[in-house]
Each structure stands twice: as structure tokens, then as C-alpha cells.
Amino acid sequence: MREGPPPQMGQSLLFLTDDQIRKGIEAMFFAYRGFTADPDRILAEKGYGRAHHRAIHFINRNPGTTVNNLLSVLGVTKQSLNRVLRTLIEDGLVASTVGKRDKRERHLNLTAAGAELERELSDAQRDRMRAAYRAAGPAAVAGFRQVLEAMMDGDTRYHYEAMRDKTE
């Protein structure tokens, strides 16, 4: 059985106009605004921002990750990440431990309070994604993932696939 869109539909997608591309870009901007709205409200109540959310998310996805690995995953400067981590550690959301093999490494884990905040943030985003996926249908969900994956550059794809491989 053949998978994917009918040939004429797939071929027409190869010839999108600039206006169609622009509409897609605008849809991404507005979708991202909606996707981050609930977590932004939760974070603002606690005095945090999106950088804190990203750190919490990826520490949760990779317990014991090193600071250097988190730097690579997030693609931020060491100074920027250190500011975020300092706050999260001081507030009791992240625990930092010295590496057993390499004392220069710091390993990061969420505390119980950090895990609770991560769950609250992720639940809000999962609810929004679940509703959108249900409304769009299975074929659209698969197509959406393909589009997102096709837009990733090499480093981003490497980290994405490493995260994806952990859950499959």
C-alpha cells in the first residue's frame, strides 16, 4: 500500500509561492506564541522566563546531563546558561553534583520541586499539542513532524534524534 500524499498533491507542494511560504512563516510565529503562552504565564508567576523552561525541560529529558552537554543542546553561551542555572539551583529546582570520574564536570538533575514545575509546564504544552493533533488528524501530524525535522540543521538534528531515540 502506498504511503504519503497522492502524487499530484506532493508535486504541487514543490511549487509554493512566496505568499504561501510567508503564510506558513506567520502561522509558525503565531503557533509558537500560543504554544508558549501557558508556560509563560506559569513561569512569570515564579519570576522565570523561557530560558529557565528550556533548561528544566532538557535536564528532565536527560537526567544527570552535564553542563557542557546542556550548553550544546541549548546552543547558548556559557554565561547565559550559568545565570539560568544559578537561579534554578538557588531556588531548589535543580541539583548540581560533581562528576565521579571527572571532578571538573557538573551533573544536573531536577529536584522534586523542579520535576513538579517541569510537569506543570509540560502538561500545558501537551494539552495544546494533543488538541491540535486531534483537530488536524494523523496525516497532518506526520506531515507536520516531517516539515519540522526538515527545517533542522545538523547540530539541532543530532540532539533531536538523541532525545527521540530515548523514547522509542
C-alpha atoms as a PDB file:
ATOM      1  CA  MET A   1       0.000   0.000   0.000  1.00  0.00           C
ATOM      2  CA  ARG A   2       1.334   3.428  -0.962  1.00  0.00           C
ATOM      3  CA  GLU A   3       2.014   5.913   1.857  1.00  0.00           C
ATOM      4  CA  GLY A   4       2.030   9.697   1.696  1.00  0.00           C
ATOM      5  CA  PRO A   5       0.032  12.211  -0.290  1.00  0.00           C
ATOM      6  CA  PRO A   6      -1.259  11.492  -3.770  1.00  0.00           C
ATOM      7  CA  PRO A   7       1.388  12.325  -6.425  1.00  0.00           C
ATOM      8  CA  GLN A   8      -0.393  15.435  -7.683  1.00  0.00           C
ATOM      9  CA  MET A   9      -0.677  16.796  -4.133  1.00  0.00           C
ATOM     10  CA  GLY A  10       3.004  16.139  -3.365  1.00  0.00           C
ATOM     11  CA  GLN A  11       4.110  17.720  -6.626  1.00  0.00           C
ATOM     12  CA  SER A  12       2.063  20.843  -6.028  1.00  0.00           C
ATOM     13  CA  LEU A  13       3.845  21.318  -2.706  1.00  0.00           C
ATOM     14  CA  LEU A  14       7.136  21.600  -4.541  1.00  0.00           C
ATOM     15  CA  PHE A  15       5.991  24.822  -6.183  1.00  0.00           C
ATOM     16  CA  LEU A  16       4.813  27.002  -3.313  1.00  0.00           C
ATOM     17  CA  THR A  17       4.559  30.698  -3.961  1.00  0.00           C
ATOM     18  CA  ASP A  18       6.312  33.271  -1.797  1.00  0.00           C
ATOM     19  CA  ASP A  19       2.907  34.225  -0.413  1.00  0.00           C
ATOM     20  CA  GLN A  20       2.197  30.623   0.617  1.00  0.00           C
ATOM     21  CA  ILE A  21       5.615  30.404   2.294  1.00  0.00           C
ATOM     22  CA  ARG A  22       5.015  33.740   4.062  1.00  0.00           C
ATOM     23  CA  LYS A  23       1.680  32.442   5.384  1.00  0.00           C
ATOM     24  CA  GLY A  24       3.460  29.360   6.715  1.00  0.00           C
ATOM     25  CA  ILE A  25       6.061  31.533   8.440  1.00  0.00           C
ATOM     26  CA  GLU A  26       3.331  33.653  10.008  1.00  0.00           C
ATOM     27  CA  ALA A  27       1.464  30.535  11.128  1.00  0.00           C
ATOM     28  CA  MET A  28       4.670  29.311  12.821  1.00  0.00           C
ATOM     29  CA  PHE A  29       5.088  32.634  14.649  1.00  0.00           C
ATOM     30  CA  PHE A  30       1.501  32.648  15.904  1.00  0.00           C
ATOM     31  CA  ALA A  31       1.543  28.935  16.747  1.00  0.00           C
ATOM     32  CA  TYR A  32       4.724  29.434  18.769  1.00  0.00           C
ATOM     33  CA  ARG A  33       3.090  32.302  20.620  1.00  0.00           C
ATOM     34  CA  GLY A  34       0.171  30.030  21.507  1.00  0.00           C
ATOM     35  CA  PHE A  35       2.457  27.113  22.346  1.00  0.00           C
ATOM     36  CA  THR A  36       4.432  29.222  24.830  1.00  0.00           C
ATOM     37  CA  ALA A  37       1.540  31.270  26.265  1.00  0.00           C
ATOM     38  CA  ASP A  38       0.526  28.919  29.092  1.00  0.00           C
ATOM     39  CA  PRO A  39       4.085  28.123  30.217  1.00  0.00           C
ATOM     40  CA  ASP A  40       4.993  31.825  30.000  1.00  0.00           C
ATOM     41  CA  ARG A  41       2.167  32.635  32.457  1.00  0.00           C
ATOM     42  CA  ILE A  42       3.279  29.903  34.851  1.00  0.00           C
ATOM     43  CA  LEU A  43       6.920  30.982  34.605  1.00  0.00           C
ATOM     44  CA  ALA A  44       6.118  34.687  35.056  1.00  0.00           C
ATOM     45  CA  GLU A  45       4.306  33.936  38.324  1.00  0.00           C
ATOM     46  CA  LYS A  46       7.544  32.416  39.603  1.00  0.00           C
ATOM     47  CA  GLY A  47       9.877  35.047  38.146  1.00  0.00           C
ATOM     48  CA  TYR A  48      11.298  32.799  35.408  1.00  0.00           C
ATOM     49  CA  GLY A  49      11.468  33.012  31.633  1.00  0.00           C
ATOM     50  CA  ARG A  50      11.745  30.760  28.605  1.00  0.00           C
ATOM     51  CA  ALA A  51      15.458  30.109  29.149  1.00  0.00           C
ATOM     52  CA  HIS A  52      14.601  28.577  32.534  1.00  0.00           C
ATOM     53  CA  HIS A  53      11.884  26.492  30.864  1.00  0.00           C
ATOM     54  CA  ARG A  54      14.257  25.140  28.216  1.00  0.00           C
ATOM     55  CA  ALA A  55      16.880  24.239  30.825  1.00  0.00           C
ATOM     56  CA  ILE A  56      14.306  22.487  33.024  1.00  0.00           C
ATOM     57  CA  HIS A  57      12.865  20.631  30.026  1.00  0.00           C
ATOM     58  CA  PHE A  58      16.186  19.244  28.817  1.00  0.00           C
ATOM     59  CA  ILE A  59      17.504  18.429  32.292  1.00  0.00           C
ATOM     60  CA  ASN A  60      14.301  16.436  32.784  1.00  0.00           C
ATOM     61  CA  ARG A  61      14.742  14.663  29.438  1.00  0.00           C
ATOM     62  CA  ASN A  62      18.368  13.799  30.214  1.00  0.00           C
ATOM     63  CA  PRO A  63      18.827  13.356  33.993  1.00  0.00           C
ATOM     64  CA  GLY A  64      22.450  13.706  35.054  1.00  0.00           C
ATOM     65  CA  THR A  65      23.354  15.668  31.936  1.00  0.00           C
ATOM     66  CA  THR A  66      26.499  17.728  32.185  1.00  0.00           C
ATOM     67  CA  VAL A  67      26.594  21.484  31.936  1.00  0.00           C
ATOM     68  CA  ASN A  68      28.635  21.141  28.728  1.00  0.00           C
ATOM     69  CA  ASN A  69      26.052  18.833  27.166  1.00  0.00           C
ATOM     70  CA  LEU A  70      23.246  21.214  28.131  1.00  0.00           C
ATOM     71  CA  LEU A  71      25.222  24.085  26.559  1.00  0.00           C
ATOM     72  CA  SER A  72      25.419  22.101  23.336  1.00  0.00           C
ATOM     73  CA  VAL A  73      21.733  21.119  23.353  1.00  0.00           C
ATOM     74  CA  LEU A  74      20.501  24.641  24.061  1.00  0.00           C
ATOM     75  CA  GLY A  75      23.009  26.407  21.810  1.00  0.00           C
ATOM     76  CA  VAL A  76      23.517  29.260  24.290  1.00  0.00           C
ATOM     77  CA  THR A  77      26.583  30.903  25.786  1.00  0.00           C
ATOM     78  CA  LYS A  78      28.138  29.591  28.974  1.00  0.00           C
ATOM     79  CA  GLN A  79      27.486  32.942  30.659  1.00  0.00           C
ATOM     80  CA  SER A  80      23.799  32.848  29.741  1.00  0.00           C
ATOM     81  CA  LEU A  81      23.344  29.258  30.900  1.00  0.00           C
ATOM     82  CA  ASN A  82      25.227  29.889  34.146  1.00  0.00           C
ATOM     83  CA  ARG A  83      22.843  32.741  35.009  1.00  0.00           C
ATOM     84  CA  VAL A  84      19.845  30.482  34.455  1.00  0.00           C
ATOM     85  CA  LEU A  85      21.352  27.510  36.311  1.00  0.00           C
ATOM     86  CA  ARG A  86      22.443  29.658  39.257  1.00  0.00           C
ATOM     87  CA  THR A  87      18.842  30.787  39.761  1.00  0.00           C
ATOM     88  CA  LEU A  88      17.399  27.290  39.368  1.00  0.00           C
ATOM     89  CA  ILE A  89      19.927  25.824  41.801  1.00  0.00           C
ATOM     90  CA  GLU A  90      19.457  28.616  44.367  1.00  0.00           C
ATOM     91  CA  ASP A  91      15.683  28.190  44.158  1.00  0.00           C
ATOM     92  CA  GLY A  92      15.945  24.453  44.766  1.00  0.00           C
ATOM     93  CA  LEU A  93      14.702  23.307  41.362  1.00  0.00           C
ATOM     94  CA  VAL A  94      17.976  21.844  40.053  1.00  0.00           C
ATOM     95  CA  ALA A  95      20.698  19.915  41.879  1.00  0.00           C
ATOM     96  CA  SER A  96      24.285  20.136  40.657  1.00  0.00           C
ATOM     97  CA  THR A  97      26.755  17.419  41.610  1.00  0.00           C
ATOM     98  CA  VAL A  98      30.447  16.998  40.843  1.00  0.00           C
ATOM     99  CA  GLY A  99      31.302  14.247  38.378  1.00  0.00           C
ATOM    100  CA  LYS A 100      32.596  10.964  39.804  1.00  0.00           C
ATOM    101  CA  ARG A 101      35.102  10.328  37.010  1.00  0.00           C
ATOM    102  CA  ASP A 102      35.893  13.940  36.127  1.00  0.00           C
ATOM    103  CA  LYS A 103      35.720  16.372  39.023  1.00  0.00           C
ATOM    104  CA  ARG A 104      35.507  19.290  36.572  1.00  0.00           C
ATOM    105  CA  GLU A 105      32.109  18.106  35.331  1.00  0.00           C
ATOM    106  CA  ARG A 106      28.886  19.205  36.950  1.00  0.00           C
ATOM    107  CA  HIS A 107      25.917  16.876  36.546  1.00  0.00           C
ATOM    108  CA  LEU A 108      22.409  18.314  36.650  1.00  0.00           C
ATOM    109  CA  ASN A 109      19.185  16.774  37.915  1.00  0.00           C
ATOM    110  CA  LEU A 110      15.797  18.171  38.752  1.00  0.00           C
ATOM    111  CA  THR A 111      14.802  18.172  42.387  1.00  0.00           C
ATOM    112  CA  ALA A 112      11.267  17.131  43.374  1.00  0.00           C
ATOM    113  CA  ALA A 113      10.210  20.806  43.125  1.00  0.00           C
ATOM    114  CA  GLY A 114      11.908  21.097  39.720  1.00  0.00           C
ATOM    115  CA  ALA A 115      10.173  17.958  38.473  1.00  0.00           C
ATOM    116  CA  GLU A 116       6.821  19.345  39.640  1.00  0.00           C
ATOM    117  CA  LEU A 117       7.379  22.625  37.773  1.00  0.00           C
ATOM    118  CA  GLU A 118       8.505  20.736  34.665  1.00  0.00           C
ATOM    119  CA  ARG A 119       5.355  18.604  34.820  1.00  0.00           C
ATOM    120  CA  GLU A 120       3.146  21.685  35.138  1.00  0.00           C
ATOM    121  CA  LEU A 121       4.824  23.366  32.154  1.00  0.00           C
ATOM    122  CA  SER A 122       4.826  20.230  30.004  1.00  0.00           C
ATOM    123  CA  ASP A 123       1.221  19.358  30.833  1.00  0.00           C
ATOM    124  CA  ALA A 124       0.116  22.746  29.499  1.00  0.00           C
ATOM    125  CA  GLN A 125       2.037  22.237  26.260  1.00  0.00           C
ATOM    126  CA  ARG A 126       0.996  18.597  25.859  1.00  0.00           C
ATOM    127  CA  ASP A 127      -2.663  19.575  26.251  1.00  0.00           C
ATOM    128  CA  ARG A 128      -2.311  22.183  23.498  1.00  0.00           C
ATOM    129  CA  MET A 129      -0.402  19.799  21.202  1.00  0.00           C
ATOM    130  CA  ARG A 130      -2.853  16.958  21.823  1.00  0.00           C
ATOM    131  CA  ALA A 131      -5.834  19.175  20.952  1.00  0.00           C
ATOM    132  CA  ALA A 132      -4.116  20.479  17.813  1.00  0.00           C
ATOM    133  CA  TYR A 133      -3.110  16.979  16.703  1.00  0.00           C
ATOM    134  CA  ARG A 134      -6.643  15.672  17.214  1.00  0.00           C
ATOM    135  CA  ALA A 135      -8.085  18.545  15.208  1.00  0.00           C
ATOM    136  CA  ALA A 136      -5.581  18.119  12.363  1.00  0.00           C
ATOM    137  CA  GLY A 137      -5.651  14.321  12.100  1.00  0.00           C
ATOM    138  CA  PRO A 138      -2.941  11.657  11.783  1.00  0.00           C
ATOM    139  CA  ALA A 139      -1.754  12.523   8.277  1.00  0.00           C
ATOM    140  CA  ALA A 140      -1.294  16.173   9.209  1.00  0.00           C
ATOM    141  CA  VAL A 141       0.587  15.200  12.383  1.00  0.00           C
ATOM    142  CA  ALA A 142       3.035  13.076  10.392  1.00  0.00           C
ATOM    143  CA  GLY A 143       3.439  15.817   7.785  1.00  0.00           C
ATOM    144  CA  PHE A 144       3.981  18.469  10.449  1.00  0.00           C
ATOM    145  CA  ARG A 145       6.750  16.425  12.053  1.00  0.00           C
ATOM    146  CA  GLN A 146       8.383  15.893   8.652  1.00  0.00           C
ATOM    147  CA  VAL A 147       8.356  19.640   7.975  1.00  0.00           C
ATOM    148  CA  LEU A 148       9.837  20.440  11.398  1.00  0.00           C
ATOM    149  CA  GLU A 149      12.544  17.797  11.005  1.00  0.00           C
ATOM    150  CA  ALA A 150      13.401  19.054   7.511  1.00  0.00           C
ATOM    151  CA  MET A 151      13.980  22.563   8.917  1.00  0.00           C
ATOM    152  CA  MET A 152      16.553  21.378  11.497  1.00  0.00           C
ATOM    153  CA  ASP A 153      20.235  21.979  10.895  1.00  0.00           C
ATOM    154  CA  GLY A 154      22.881  19.330  11.618  1.00  0.00           C
ATOM    155  CA  ASP A 155      23.603  20.058  15.292  1.00  0.00           C
ATOM    156  CA  THR A 156      19.944  20.528  16.097  1.00  0.00           C
ATOM    157  CA  ARG A 157      19.041  17.299  14.323  1.00  0.00           C
ATOM    158  CA  TYR A 158      21.743  15.404  16.235  1.00  0.00           C
ATOM    159  CA  HIS A 159      20.319  16.476  19.609  1.00  0.00           C
ATOM    160  CA  TYR A 160      16.729  15.949  18.463  1.00  0.00           C
ATOM    161  CA  GLU A 161      17.461  12.407  17.307  1.00  0.00           C
ATOM    162  CA  ALA A 162      19.294  11.635  20.553  1.00  0.00           C
ATOM    163  CA  MET A 163      16.220  12.747  22.536  1.00  0.00           C
ATOM    164  CA  ARG A 164      13.855  10.906  20.205  1.00  0.00           C
ATOM    165  CA  ASP A 165      15.900   7.696  20.445  1.00  0.00           C
ATOM    166  CA  LYS A 166      15.493   7.714  24.232  1.00  0.00           C
ATOM    167  CA  THR A 167      11.713   7.401  23.933  1.00  0.00           C
ATOM    168  CA  GLU A 168      11.395   4.967  21.043  1.00  0.00           C
END
